[in-house]
Amino acid sequence: MKMMVSADQAGRLLRSIPHSSCHSGMRRNWRAADNGTVTAASFLWLYCWAKTGMNSEKAREVAVGVFEQIFGLRFDDVDKRVEHEWARRMRYVGHLPSLEVTQLLTGLEQKRLLP
């Protein structure tokens, strides 16, 4: 999944989410490459944070903003296409094909947020 920010900037943004479980989970679940991409599982992991904030409304709100900044997509648009329960199951699957998530998001590239 293509990021709209550098891997370093994405890390800073993720650390701004006010929840210690997010920070510890980031070390295990966020896989950003120098070429500006993340794994599909990483994309779904952040989607789940933006969806629920692990019962913290503040964490959820910040995670939505972080998601939108990193991927340049409106969270609400993605949320209409991704089933949360499916994302919860798939966010830890290291071999999840990016194509599967990309197919869910087909057409959203034209709706990318402007920097």
PDB file of N, CA and C in Angstrom:
ATOM      1  N   MET A   1       0.849  -1.165   0.000  1.00  0.00           N
ATOM      2  CA  MET A   1       0.000   0.000   0.000  1.00  0.00           C
ATOM      3  C   MET A   1       0.902   1.237   0.000  1.00  0.00           C
ATOM      4  N   LYS A   2       0.613   2.160  -0.878  1.00  0.00           N
ATOM      5  CA  LYS A   2       1.436   3.350  -1.050  1.00  0.00           C
ATOM      6  C   LYS A   2       1.126   4.408   0.010  1.00  0.00           C
ATOM      7  N   MET A   3       2.177   4.929   0.608  1.00  0.00           N
ATOM      8  CA  MET A   3       2.036   6.025   1.569  1.00  0.00           C
ATOM      9  C   MET A   3       2.247   7.356   0.850  1.00  0.00           C
ATOM     10  N   MET A   4       1.663   8.403   1.393  1.00  0.00           N
ATOM     11  CA  MET A   4       1.835   9.744   0.843  1.00  0.00           C
ATOM     12  C   MET A   4       2.899  10.528   1.610  1.00  0.00           C
ATOM     13  N   VAL A   5       3.474   9.901   2.628  1.00  0.00           N
ATOM     14  CA  VAL A   5       4.516  10.525   3.441  1.00  0.00           C
ATOM     15  C   VAL A   5       5.690   9.553   3.514  1.00  0.00           C
ATOM     16  N   SER A   6       6.823  10.029   3.989  1.00  0.00           N
ATOM     17  CA  SER A   6       7.981   9.159   4.150  1.00  0.00           C
ATOM     18  C   SER A   6       7.757   8.172   5.297  1.00  0.00           C
ATOM     19  N   ALA A   7       8.537   7.125   5.312  1.00  0.00           N
ATOM     20  CA  ALA A   7       8.446   6.133   6.390  1.00  0.00           C
ATOM     21  C   ALA A   7       8.731   6.793   7.741  1.00  0.00           C
ATOM     22  N   ASP A   8       9.690   7.722   7.774  1.00  0.00           N
ATOM     23  CA  ASP A   8      10.010   8.426   9.022  1.00  0.00           C
ATOM     24  C   ASP A   8       8.831   9.289   9.490  1.00  0.00           C
ATOM     25  N   GLN A   9       8.234  10.017   8.563  1.00  0.00           N
ATOM     26  CA  GLN A   9       7.090  10.859   8.909  1.00  0.00           C
ATOM     27  C   GLN A   9       5.916   9.993   9.375  1.00  0.00           C
ATOM     28  N   ALA A  10       5.700   8.869   8.711  1.00  0.00           N
ATOM     29  CA  ALA A  10       4.623   7.965   9.128  1.00  0.00           C
ATOM     30  C   ALA A  10       4.851   7.493  10.564  1.00  0.00           C
ATOM     31  N   GLY A  11       6.083   7.166  10.897  1.00  0.00           N
ATOM     32  CA  GLY A  11       6.404   6.745  12.261  1.00  0.00           C
ATOM     33  C   GLY A  11       6.107   7.832  13.272  1.00  0.00           C
ATOM     34  N   ARG A  12       6.457   9.075  12.944  1.00  0.00           N
ATOM     35  CA  ARG A  12       6.166  10.194  13.845  1.00  0.00           C
ATOM     36  C   ARG A  12       4.654  10.364  14.016  1.00  0.00           C
ATOM     37  N   LEU A  13       3.929  10.258  12.927  1.00  0.00           N
ATOM     38  CA  LEU A  13       2.479  10.393  12.999  1.00  0.00           C
ATOM     39  C   LEU A  13       1.865   9.286  13.862  1.00  0.00           C
ATOM     40  N   LEU A  14       2.320   8.068  13.673  1.00  0.00           N
ATOM     41  CA  LEU A  14       1.791   6.953  14.460  1.00  0.00           C
ATOM     42  C   LEU A  14       2.070   7.138  15.947  1.00  0.00           C
ATOM     43  N   ARG A  15       3.240   7.651  16.266  1.00  0.00           N
ATOM     44  CA  ARG A  15       3.573   7.878  17.672  1.00  0.00           C
ATOM     45  C   ARG A  15       2.740   8.995  18.293  1.00  0.00           C
ATOM     46  N   SER A  16       2.053   9.784  17.461  1.00  0.00           N
ATOM     47  CA  SER A  16       1.194  10.847  17.994  1.00  0.00           C
ATOM     48  C   SER A  16      -0.165  10.302  18.446  1.00  0.00           C
ATOM     49  N   ILE A  17      -0.482   9.069  18.112  1.00  0.00           N
ATOM     50  CA  ILE A  17      -1.745   8.474  18.564  1.00  0.00           C
ATOM     51  C   ILE A  17      -1.623   8.237  20.065  1.00  0.00           C
ATOM     52  N   PRO A  18      -2.516   8.836  20.864  1.00  0.00           N
ATOM     53  CA  PRO A  18      -2.360   8.808  22.327  1.00  0.00           C
ATOM     54  C   PRO A  18      -2.851   7.494  22.961  1.00  0.00           C
ATOM     55  N   HIS A  19      -2.088   6.427  22.718  1.00  0.00           N
ATOM     56  CA  HIS A  19      -2.451   5.139  23.312  1.00  0.00           C
ATOM     57  C   HIS A  19      -1.202   4.259  23.351  1.00  0.00           C
ATOM     58  N   SER A  20      -0.809   3.820  24.536  1.00  0.00           N
ATOM     59  CA  SER A  20       0.411   3.020  24.673  1.00  0.00           C
ATOM     60  C   SER A  20       0.315   1.684  23.931  1.00  0.00           C
ATOM     61  N   SER A  21      -0.876   1.111  23.828  1.00  0.00           N
ATOM     62  CA  SER A  21      -1.021  -0.151  23.086  1.00  0.00           C
ATOM     63  C   SER A  21      -0.744   0.051  21.600  1.00  0.00           C
ATOM     64  N   CYS A  22      -1.071   1.216  21.091  1.00  0.00           N
ATOM     65  CA  CYS A  22      -0.767   1.527  19.692  1.00  0.00           C
ATOM     66  C   CYS A  22       0.742   1.603  19.495  1.00  0.00           C
ATOM     67  N   HIS A  23       1.425   2.249  20.432  1.00  0.00           N
ATOM     68  CA  HIS A  23       2.873   2.402  20.310  1.00  0.00           C
ATOM     69  C   HIS A  23       3.574   1.054  20.388  1.00  0.00           C
ATOM     70  N   SER A  24       3.163   0.200  21.313  1.00  0.00           N
ATOM     71  CA  SER A  24       3.808  -1.116  21.410  1.00  0.00           C
ATOM     72  C   SER A  24       3.413  -1.977  20.211  1.00  0.00           C
ATOM     73  N   GLY A  25       2.176  -1.867  19.747  1.00  0.00           N
ATOM     74  CA  GLY A  25       1.746  -2.621  18.579  1.00  0.00           C
ATOM     75  C   GLY A  25       2.439  -2.168  17.311  1.00  0.00           C
ATOM     76  N   MET A  26       2.788  -0.910  17.259  1.00  0.00           N
ATOM     77  CA  MET A  26       3.489  -0.374  16.097  1.00  0.00           C
ATOM     78  C   MET A  26       4.794  -1.122  15.853  1.00  0.00           C
ATOM     79  N   ARG A  27       5.503  -1.427  16.909  1.00  0.00           N
ATOM     80  CA  ARG A  27       6.787  -2.136  16.759  1.00  0.00           C
ATOM     81  C   ARG A  27       6.591  -3.516  16.146  1.00  0.00           C
ATOM     82  N   ARG A  28       5.458  -4.134  16.444  1.00  0.00           N
ATOM     83  CA  ARG A  28       5.188  -5.487  15.932  1.00  0.00           C
ATOM     84  C   ARG A  28       4.441  -5.496  14.601  1.00  0.00           C
ATOM     85  N   ASN A  29       3.629  -4.465  14.352  1.00  0.00           N
ATOM     86  CA  ASN A  29       2.662  -4.564  13.259  1.00  0.00           C
ATOM     87  C   ASN A  29       2.793  -3.549  12.138  1.00  0.00           C
ATOM     88  N   TRP A  30       3.652  -2.570  12.285  1.00  0.00           N
ATOM     89  CA  TRP A  30       3.807  -1.548  11.245  1.00  0.00           C
ATOM     90  C   TRP A  30       5.054  -1.855  10.446  1.00  0.00           C
ATOM     91  N   ARG A  31       4.903  -2.194   9.189  1.00  0.00           N
ATOM     92  CA  ARG A  31       6.015  -2.544   8.308  1.00  0.00           C
ATOM     93  C   ARG A  31       6.053  -1.591   7.130  1.00  0.00           C
ATOM     94  N   ALA A  32       6.889  -0.557   7.248  1.00  0.00           N
ATOM     95  CA  ALA A  32       7.038   0.437   6.193  1.00  0.00           C
ATOM     96  C   ALA A  32       8.374   0.231   5.506  1.00  0.00           C
ATOM     97  N   ALA A  33       8.360   0.293   4.194  1.00  0.00           N
ATOM     98  CA  ALA A  33       9.573   0.131   3.405  1.00  0.00           C
ATOM     99  C   ALA A  33      10.084   1.493   2.956  1.00  0.00           C
ATOM    100  N   ASP A  34      11.362   1.542   2.641  1.00  0.00           N
ATOM    101  CA  ASP A  34      11.971   2.792   2.181  1.00  0.00           C
ATOM    102  C   ASP A  34      11.361   3.293   0.872  1.00  0.00           C
ATOM    103  N   ASN A  35      10.702   2.399   0.125  1.00  0.00           N
ATOM    104  CA  ASN A  35      10.108   2.814  -1.153  1.00  0.00           C
ATOM    105  C   ASN A  35       8.736   3.468  -0.980  1.00  0.00           C
ATOM    106  N   GLY A  36       8.331   3.702   0.283  1.00  0.00           N
ATOM    107  CA  GLY A  36       7.086   4.411   0.532  1.00  0.00           C
ATOM    108  C   GLY A  36       5.845   3.546   0.574  1.00  0.00           C
ATOM    109  N   THR A  37       6.021   2.270   0.811  1.00  0.00           N
ATOM    110  CA  THR A  37       4.881   1.367   0.902  1.00  0.00           C
ATOM    111  C   THR A  37       4.837   0.697   2.268  1.00  0.00           C
ATOM    112  N   VAL A  38       3.663   0.194   2.615  1.00  0.00           N
ATOM    113  CA  VAL A  38       3.487  -0.638   3.806  1.00  0.00           C
ATOM    114  C   VAL A  38       2.782  -1.910   3.376  1.00  0.00           C
ATOM    115  N   THR A  39       2.891  -2.919   4.207  1.00  0.00           N
ATOM    116  CA  THR A  39       2.191  -4.162   3.924  1.00  0.00           C
ATOM    117  C   THR A  39       0.684  -3.944   4.048  1.00  0.00           C
ATOM    118  N   ALA A  40      -0.072  -4.820   3.412  1.00  0.00           N
ATOM    119  CA  ALA A  40      -1.534  -4.758   3.522  1.00  0.00           C
ATOM    120  C   ALA A  40      -1.950  -4.943   4.975  1.00  0.00           C
ATOM    121  N   ALA A  41      -1.261  -5.822   5.694  1.00  0.00           N
ATOM    122  CA  ALA A  41      -1.584  -6.054   7.109  1.00  0.00           C
ATOM    123  C   ALA A  41      -1.356  -4.777   7.918  1.00  0.00           C
ATOM    124  N   SER A  42      -0.302  -4.015   7.610  1.00  0.00           N
ATOM    125  CA  SER A  42      -0.047  -2.747   8.306  1.00  0.00           C
ATOM    126  C   SER A  42      -1.158  -1.744   8.026  1.00  0.00           C
ATOM    127  N   PHE A  43      -1.589  -1.680   6.784  1.00  0.00           N
ATOM    128  CA  PHE A  43      -2.693  -0.803   6.403  1.00  0.00           C
ATOM    129  C   PHE A  43      -3.939  -1.146   7.211  1.00  0.00           C
ATOM    130  N   LEU A  44      -4.253  -2.433   7.324  1.00  0.00           N
ATOM    131  CA  LEU A  44      -5.440  -2.868   8.067  1.00  0.00           C
ATOM    132  C   LEU A  44      -5.280  -2.639   9.567  1.00  0.00           C
ATOM    133  N   TRP A  45      -4.061  -2.786  10.069  1.00  0.00           N
ATOM    134  CA  TRP A  45      -3.801  -2.539  11.490  1.00  0.00           C
ATOM    135  C   TRP A  45      -4.143  -1.083  11.832  1.00  0.00           C
ATOM    136  N   LEU A  46      -3.670  -0.145  10.996  1.00  0.00           N
ATOM    137  CA  LEU A  46      -3.976   1.266  11.245  1.00  0.00           C
ATOM    138  C   LEU A  46      -5.455   1.548  11.008  1.00  0.00           C
ATOM    139  N   TYR A  47      -6.048   0.923  10.015  1.00  0.00           N
ATOM    140  CA  TYR A  47      -7.490   1.071   9.792  1.00  0.00           C
ATOM    141  C   TYR A  47      -8.251   0.696  11.070  1.00  0.00           C
ATOM    142  N   CYS A  48      -7.878  -0.397  11.702  1.00  0.00           N
ATOM    143  CA  CYS A  48      -8.565  -0.831  12.924  1.00  0.00           C
ATOM    144  C   CYS A  48      -8.390   0.182  14.054  1.00  0.00           C
ATOM    145  N   TRP A  49      -7.219   0.789  14.153  1.00  0.00           N
ATOM    146  CA  TRP A  49      -7.033   1.836  15.165  1.00  0.00           C
ATOM    147  C   TRP A  49      -7.947   3.016  14.873  1.00  0.00           C
ATOM    148  N   ALA A  50      -8.067   3.387  13.606  1.00  0.00           N
ATOM    149  CA  ALA A  50      -8.924   4.506  13.240  1.00  0.00           C
ATOM    150  C   ALA A  50     -10.408   4.160  13.415  1.00  0.00           C
ATOM    151  N   LYS A  51     -10.724   2.907  13.332  1.00  0.00           N
ATOM    152  CA  LYS A  51     -12.114   2.480  13.487  1.00  0.00           C
ATOM    153  C   LYS A  51     -12.549   2.497  14.953  1.00  0.00           C
ATOM    154  N   THR A  52     -11.678   2.023  15.865  1.00  0.00           N
ATOM    155  CA  THR A  52     -12.115   1.859  17.259  1.00  0.00           C
ATOM    156  C   THR A  52     -11.294   2.620  18.288  1.00  0.00           C
ATOM    157  N   GLY A  53     -10.035   2.904  18.000  1.00  0.00           N
ATOM    158  CA  GLY A  53      -9.171   3.553  18.988  1.00  0.00           C
ATOM    159  C   GLY A  53      -8.994   2.735  20.252  1.00  0.00           C
ATOM    160  N   MET A  54      -9.269   1.459  20.180  1.00  0.00           N
ATOM    161  CA  MET A  54      -9.238   0.562  21.349  1.00  0.00           C
ATOM    162  C   MET A  54      -9.983   1.195  22.516  1.00  0.00           C
ATOM    163  N   ASN A  55     -11.213   1.584  22.236  1.00  0.00           N
ATOM    164  CA  ASN A  55     -12.120   2.147  23.242  1.00  0.00           C
ATOM    165  C   ASN A  55     -11.706   3.528  23.749  1.00  0.00           C
ATOM    166  N   SER A  56     -10.832   4.197  23.023  1.00  0.00           N
ATOM    167  CA  SER A  56     -10.465   5.568  23.362  1.00  0.00           C
ATOM    168  C   SER A  56     -10.898   6.462  22.202  1.00  0.00           C
ATOM    169  N   GLU A  57     -11.865   7.321  22.447  1.00  0.00           N
ATOM    170  CA  GLU A  57     -12.351   8.213  21.395  1.00  0.00           C
ATOM    171  C   GLU A  57     -11.243   9.154  20.920  1.00  0.00           C
ATOM    172  N   LYS A  58     -10.407   9.633  21.839  1.00  0.00           N
ATOM    173  CA  LYS A  58      -9.302  10.514  21.448  1.00  0.00           C
ATOM    174  C   LYS A  58      -8.321   9.775  20.541  1.00  0.00           C
ATOM    175  N   ALA A  59      -7.952   8.538  20.913  1.00  0.00           N
ATOM    176  CA  ALA A  59      -7.039   7.749  20.078  1.00  0.00           C
ATOM    177  C   ALA A  59      -7.660   7.496  18.706  1.00  0.00           C
ATOM    178  N   ARG A  60      -8.956   7.216  18.682  1.00  0.00           N
ATOM    179  CA  ARG A  60      -9.637   6.965  17.412  1.00  0.00           C
ATOM    180  C   ARG A  60      -9.597   8.215  16.524  1.00  0.00           C
ATOM    181  N   GLU A  61      -9.920   9.359  17.103  1.00  0.00           N
ATOM    182  CA  GLU A  61      -9.916  10.605  16.332  1.00  0.00           C
ATOM    183  C   GLU A  61      -8.535  10.911  15.758  1.00  0.00           C
ATOM    184  N   VAL A  62      -7.509  10.773  16.596  1.00  0.00           N
ATOM    185  CA  VAL A  62      -6.151  11.038  16.125  1.00  0.00           C
ATOM    186  C   VAL A  62      -5.760  10.009  15.062  1.00  0.00           C
ATOM    187  N   ALA A  63      -6.115   8.744  15.271  1.00  0.00           N
ATOM    188  CA  ALA A  63      -5.771   7.689  14.308  1.00  0.00           C
ATOM    189  C   ALA A  63      -6.433   7.938  12.950  1.00  0.00           C
ATOM    190  N   VAL A  64      -7.646   8.467  12.947  1.00  0.00           N
ATOM    191  CA  VAL A  64      -8.302   8.808  11.677  1.00  0.00           C
ATOM    192  C   VAL A  64      -7.465   9.846  10.932  1.00  0.00           C
ATOM    193  N   GLY A  65      -7.040  10.887  11.633  1.00  0.00           N
ATOM    194  CA  GLY A  65      -6.209  11.909  11.003  1.00  0.00           C
ATOM    195  C   GLY A  65      -4.878  11.365  10.519  1.00  0.00           C
ATOM    196  N   VAL A  66      -4.278  10.498  11.315  1.00  0.00           N
ATOM    197  CA  VAL A  66      -3.003   9.878  10.937  1.00  0.00           C
ATOM    198  C   VAL A  66      -3.206   9.017   9.691  1.00  0.00           C
ATOM    199  N   PHE A  67      -4.242   8.201   9.678  1.00  0.00           N
ATOM    200  CA  PHE A  67      -4.563   7.354   8.529  1.00  0.00           C
ATOM    201  C   PHE A  67      -4.697   8.210   7.267  1.00  0.00           C
ATOM    202  N   GLU A  68      -5.458   9.293   7.378  1.00  0.00           N
ATOM    203  CA  GLU A  68      -5.681  10.147   6.214  1.00  0.00           C
ATOM    204  C   GLU A  68      -4.403  10.828   5.743  1.00  0.00           C
ATOM    205  N   GLN A  69      -3.552  11.235   6.674  1.00  0.00           N
ATOM    206  CA  GLN A  69      -2.288  11.871   6.288  1.00  0.00           C
ATOM    207  C   GLN A  69      -1.346  10.870   5.646  1.00  0.00           C
ATOM    208  N   ILE A  70      -1.260   9.674   6.207  1.00  0.00           N
ATOM    209  CA  ILE A  70      -0.322   8.685   5.678  1.00  0.00           C
ATOM    210  C   ILE A  70      -0.743   8.197   4.301  1.00  0.00           C
ATOM    211  N   PHE A  71      -2.023   7.898   4.124  1.00  0.00           N
ATOM    212  CA  PHE A  71      -2.471   7.291   2.871  1.00  0.00           C
ATOM    213  C   PHE A  71      -3.139   8.261   1.905  1.00  0.00           C
ATOM    214  N   GLY A  72      -3.456   9.479   2.374  1.00  0.00           N
ATOM    215  CA  GLY A  72      -4.082  10.440   1.483  1.00  0.00           C
ATOM    216  C   GLY A  72      -5.485  10.036   1.071  1.00  0.00           C
ATOM    217  N   LEU A  73      -6.121   9.186   1.853  1.00  0.00           N
ATOM    218  CA  LEU A  73      -7.483   8.731   1.581  1.00  0.00           C
ATOM    219  C   LEU A  73      -8.377   9.116   2.745  1.00  0.00           C
ATOM    220  N   ARG A  74      -9.605   9.465   2.457  1.00  0.00           N
ATOM    221  CA  ARG A  74     -10.560   9.746   3.523  1.00  0.00           C
ATOM    222  C   ARG A  74     -10.908   8.440   4.224  1.00  0.00           C
ATOM    223  N   PHE A  75     -10.782   8.446   5.534  1.00  0.00           N
ATOM    224  CA  PHE A  75     -11.087   7.240   6.294  1.00  0.00           C
ATOM    225  C   PHE A  75     -12.520   6.781   6.041  1.00  0.00           C
ATOM    226  N   ASP A  76     -13.464   7.726   5.999  1.00  0.00           N
ATOM    227  CA  ASP A  76     -14.861   7.355   5.790  1.00  0.00           C
ATOM    228  C   ASP A  76     -15.072   6.634   4.461  1.00  0.00           C
ATOM    229  N   ASP A  77     -14.342   7.033   3.416  1.00  0.00           N
ATOM    230  CA  ASP A  77     -14.449   6.359   2.125  1.00  0.00           C
ATOM    231  C   ASP A  77     -13.932   4.922   2.215  1.00  0.00           C
ATOM    232  N   VAL A  78     -12.810   4.756   2.917  1.00  0.00           N
ATOM    233  CA  VAL A  78     -12.241   3.412   3.091  1.00  0.00           C
ATOM    234  C   VAL A  78     -13.166   2.564   3.954  1.00  0.00           C
ATOM    235  N   ASP A  79     -13.698   3.166   5.001  1.00  0.00           N
ATOM    236  CA  ASP A  79     -14.564   2.448   5.930  1.00  0.00           C
ATOM    237  C   ASP A  79     -15.814   1.894   5.241  1.00  0.00           C
ATOM    238  N   LYS A  80     -16.284   2.559   4.218  1.00  0.00           N
ATOM    239  CA  LYS A  80     -17.449   2.078   3.465  1.00  0.00           C
ATOM    240  C   LYS A  80     -17.133   0.800   2.685  1.00  0.00           C
ATOM    241  N   ARG A  81     -15.857   0.546   2.432  1.00  0.00           N
ATOM    242  CA  ARG A  81     -15.470  -0.595   1.603  1.00  0.00           C
ATOM    243  C   ARG A  81     -14.842  -1.744   2.375  1.00  0.00           C
ATOM    244  N   VAL A  82     -14.371  -1.466   3.571  1.00  0.00           N
ATOM    245  CA  VAL A  82     -13.664  -2.491   4.351  1.00  0.00           C
ATOM    246  C   VAL A  82     -14.542  -2.925   5.511  1.00  0.00           C
ATOM    247  N   GLU A  83     -14.796  -4.210   5.592  1.00  0.00           N
ATOM    248  CA  GLU A  83     -15.563  -4.743   6.713  1.00  0.00           C
ATOM    249  C   GLU A  83     -14.635  -4.854   7.922  1.00  0.00           C
ATOM    250  N   HIS A  84     -15.021  -4.222   9.016  1.00  0.00           N
ATOM    251  CA  HIS A  84     -14.155  -4.167  10.188  1.00  0.00           C
ATOM    252  C   HIS A  84     -13.789  -5.550  10.709  1.00  0.00           C
ATOM    253  N   GLU A  85     -14.724  -6.450  10.807  1.00  0.00           N
ATOM    254  CA  GLU A  85     -14.416  -7.794  11.321  1.00  0.00           C
ATOM    255  C   GLU A  85     -13.410  -8.508  10.432  1.00  0.00           C
ATOM    256  N   TRP A  86     -13.522  -8.343   9.117  1.00  0.00           N
ATOM    257  CA  TRP A  86     -12.548  -8.930   8.201  1.00  0.00           C
ATOM    258  C   TRP A  86     -11.174  -8.310   8.436  1.00  0.00           C
ATOM    259  N   ALA A  87     -11.132  -6.985   8.564  1.00  0.00           N
ATOM    260  CA  ALA A  87      -9.859  -6.288   8.800  1.00  0.00           C
ATOM    261  C   ALA A  87      -9.222  -6.769  10.106  1.00  0.00           C
ATOM    262  N   ARG A  88     -10.034  -6.957  11.147  1.00  0.00           N
ATOM    263  CA  ARG A  88      -9.510  -7.443  12.434  1.00  0.00           C
ATOM    264  C   ARG A  88      -8.843  -8.806  12.277  1.00  0.00           C
ATOM    265  N   ARG A  89      -9.448  -9.681  11.508  1.00  0.00           N
ATOM    266  CA  ARG A  89      -8.874 -11.020  11.309  1.00  0.00           C
ATOM    267  C   ARG A  89      -7.612 -10.959  10.452  1.00  0.00           C
ATOM    268  N   MET A  90      -7.592 -10.082   9.469  1.00  0.00           N
ATOM    269  CA  MET A  90      -6.512 -10.072   8.487  1.00  0.00           C
ATOM    270  C   MET A  90      -5.330  -9.179   8.855  1.00  0.00           C
ATOM    271  N   ARG A  91      -5.480  -8.330   9.870  1.00  0.00           N
ATOM    272  CA  ARG A  91      -4.421  -7.360  10.168  1.00  0.00           C
ATOM    273  C   ARG A  91      -3.136  -7.995  10.676  1.00  0.00           C
ATOM    274  N   TYR A  92      -3.191  -9.229  11.130  1.00  0.00           N
ATOM    275  CA  TYR A  92      -1.983  -9.901  11.611  1.00  0.00           C
ATOM    276  C   TYR A  92      -1.502 -10.982  10.648  1.00  0.00           C
ATOM    277  N   VAL A  93      -2.107 -11.064   9.484  1.00  0.00           N
ATOM    278  CA  VAL A  93      -1.718 -12.064   8.501  1.00  0.00           C
ATOM    279  C   VAL A  93      -0.593 -11.469   7.660  1.00  0.00           C
ATOM    280  N   GLY A  94       0.622 -11.900   7.924  1.00  0.00           N
ATOM    281  CA  GLY A  94       1.785 -11.328   7.256  1.00  0.00           C
ATOM    282  C   GLY A  94       1.815 -11.559   5.770  1.00  0.00           C
ATOM    283  N   HIS A  95       1.163 -12.620   5.302  1.00  0.00           N
ATOM    284  CA  HIS A  95       1.210 -12.947   3.875  1.00  0.00           C
ATOM    285  C   HIS A  95      -0.033 -12.473   3.120  1.00  0.00           C
ATOM    286  N   LEU A  96      -0.839 -11.638   3.744  1.00  0.00           N
ATOM    287  CA  LEU A  96      -2.035 -11.121   3.081  1.00  0.00           C
ATOM    288  C   LEU A  96      -1.618 -10.397   1.801  1.00  0.00           C
ATOM    289  N   PRO A  97      -2.145 -10.825   0.684  1.00  0.00           N
ATOM    290  CA  PRO A  97      -1.764 -10.167  -0.576  1.00  0.00           C
ATOM    291  C   PRO A  97      -2.261  -8.726  -0.618  1.00  0.00           C
ATOM    292  N   SER A  98      -1.390  -7.823  -0.975  1.00  0.00           N
ATOM    293  CA  SER A  98      -1.777  -6.420  -1.110  1.00  0.00           C
ATOM    294  C   SER A  98      -2.884  -6.272  -2.141  1.00  0.00           C
ATOM    295  N   LEU A  99      -2.878  -7.156  -3.132  1.00  0.00           N
ATOM    296  CA  LEU A  99      -3.882  -7.083  -4.184  1.00  0.00           C
ATOM    297  C   LEU A  99      -5.288  -7.189  -3.613  1.00  0.00           C
ATOM    298  N   GLU A 100      -5.472  -8.018  -2.606  1.00  0.00           N
ATOM    299  CA  GLU A 100      -6.791  -8.193  -2.005  1.00  0.00           C
ATOM    300  C   GLU A 100      -7.295  -6.883  -1.410  1.00  0.00           C
ATOM    301  N   VAL A 101      -6.437  -6.168  -0.708  1.00  0.00           N
ATOM    302  CA  VAL A 101      -6.831  -4.877  -0.130  1.00  0.00           C
ATOM    303  C   VAL A 101      -6.953  -3.840  -1.243  1.00  0.00           C
ATOM    304  N   THR A 102      -6.057  -3.858  -2.191  1.00  0.00           N
ATOM    305  CA  THR A 102      -6.098  -2.902  -3.296  1.00  0.00           C
ATOM    306  C   THR A 102      -7.412  -3.012  -4.058  1.00  0.00           C
ATOM    307  N   GLN A 103      -7.882  -4.238  -4.262  1.00  0.00           N
ATOM    308  CA  GLN A 103      -9.148  -4.426  -4.968  1.00  0.00           C
ATOM    309  C   GLN A 103     -10.311  -3.793  -4.206  1.00  0.00           C
ATOM    310  N   LEU A 104     -10.279  -3.861  -2.874  1.00  0.00           N
ATOM    311  CA  LEU A 104     -11.324  -3.230  -2.073  1.00  0.00           C
ATOM    312  C   LEU A 104     -11.338  -1.712  -2.257  1.00  0.00           C
ATOM    313  N   LEU A 105     -10.175  -1.164  -2.510  1.00  0.00           N
ATOM    314  CA  LEU A 105     -10.029   0.292  -2.565  1.00  0.00           C
ATOM    315  C   LEU A 105     -10.047   0.847  -3.987  1.00  0.00           C
ATOM    316  N   THR A 106     -10.294  -0.009  -4.968  1.00  0.00           N
ATOM    317  CA  THR A 106     -10.282   0.417  -6.364  1.00  0.00           C
ATOM    318  C   THR A 106     -11.166   1.644  -6.550  1.00  0.00           C
ATOM    319  N   GLY A 107     -10.626   2.632  -7.177  1.00  0.00           N
ATOM    320  CA  GLY A 107     -11.360   3.863  -7.441  1.00  0.00           C
ATOM    321  C   GLY A 107     -11.099   4.961  -6.431  1.00  0.00           C
ATOM    322  N   LEU A 108     -10.620   4.608  -5.250  1.00  0.00           N
ATOM    323  CA  LEU A 108     -10.378   5.636  -4.238  1.00  0.00           C
ATOM    324  C   LEU A 108      -9.130   6.457  -4.550  1.00  0.00           C
ATOM    325  N   GLU A 109      -8.236   5.947  -5.395  1.00  0.00           N
ATOM    326  CA  GLU A 109      -7.019   6.691  -5.700  1.00  0.00           C
ATOM    327  C   GLU A 109      -7.370   8.062  -6.289  1.00  0.00           C
ATOM    328  N   GLN A 110      -8.468   8.114  -7.053  1.00  0.00           N
ATOM    329  CA  GLN A 110      -8.867   9.387  -7.642  1.00  0.00           C
ATOM    330  C   GLN A 110      -9.401  10.349  -6.578  1.00  0.00           C
ATOM    331  N   LYS A 111      -9.735   9.838  -5.405  1.00  0.00           N
ATOM    332  CA  LYS A 111     -10.277  10.685  -4.338  1.00  0.00           C
ATOM    333  C   LYS A 111      -9.217  11.066  -3.318  1.00  0.00           C
ATOM    334  N   ARG A 112      -7.952  10.819  -3.609  1.00  0.00           N
ATOM    335  CA  ARG A 112      -6.903  11.140  -2.635  1.00  0.00           C
ATOM    336  C   ARG A 112      -7.020  12.579  -2.169  1.00  0.00           C
ATOM    337  N   LEU A 113      -6.760  12.756  -0.901  1.00  0.00           N
ATOM    338  CA  LEU A 113      -6.785  14.100  -0.325  1.00  0.00           C
ATOM    339  C   LEU A 113      -5.600  14.882  -0.837  1.00  0.00           C
ATOM    340  N   LEU A 114      -5.770  16.148  -1.006  1.00  0.00           N
ATOM    341  CA  LEU A 114      -4.657  16.995  -1.442  1.00  0.00           C
ATOM    342  C   LEU A 114      -3.772  17.303  -0.242  1.00  0.00           C
ATOM    343  N   PRO A 115      -2.430  17.357  -0.472  1.00  0.00           N
ATOM    344  CA  PRO A 115      -1.523  17.668   0.638  1.00  0.00           C
ATOM    345  C   PRO A 115      -1.720  19.073   1.157  1.00  0.00           C
TER     346      PRO A 115
END
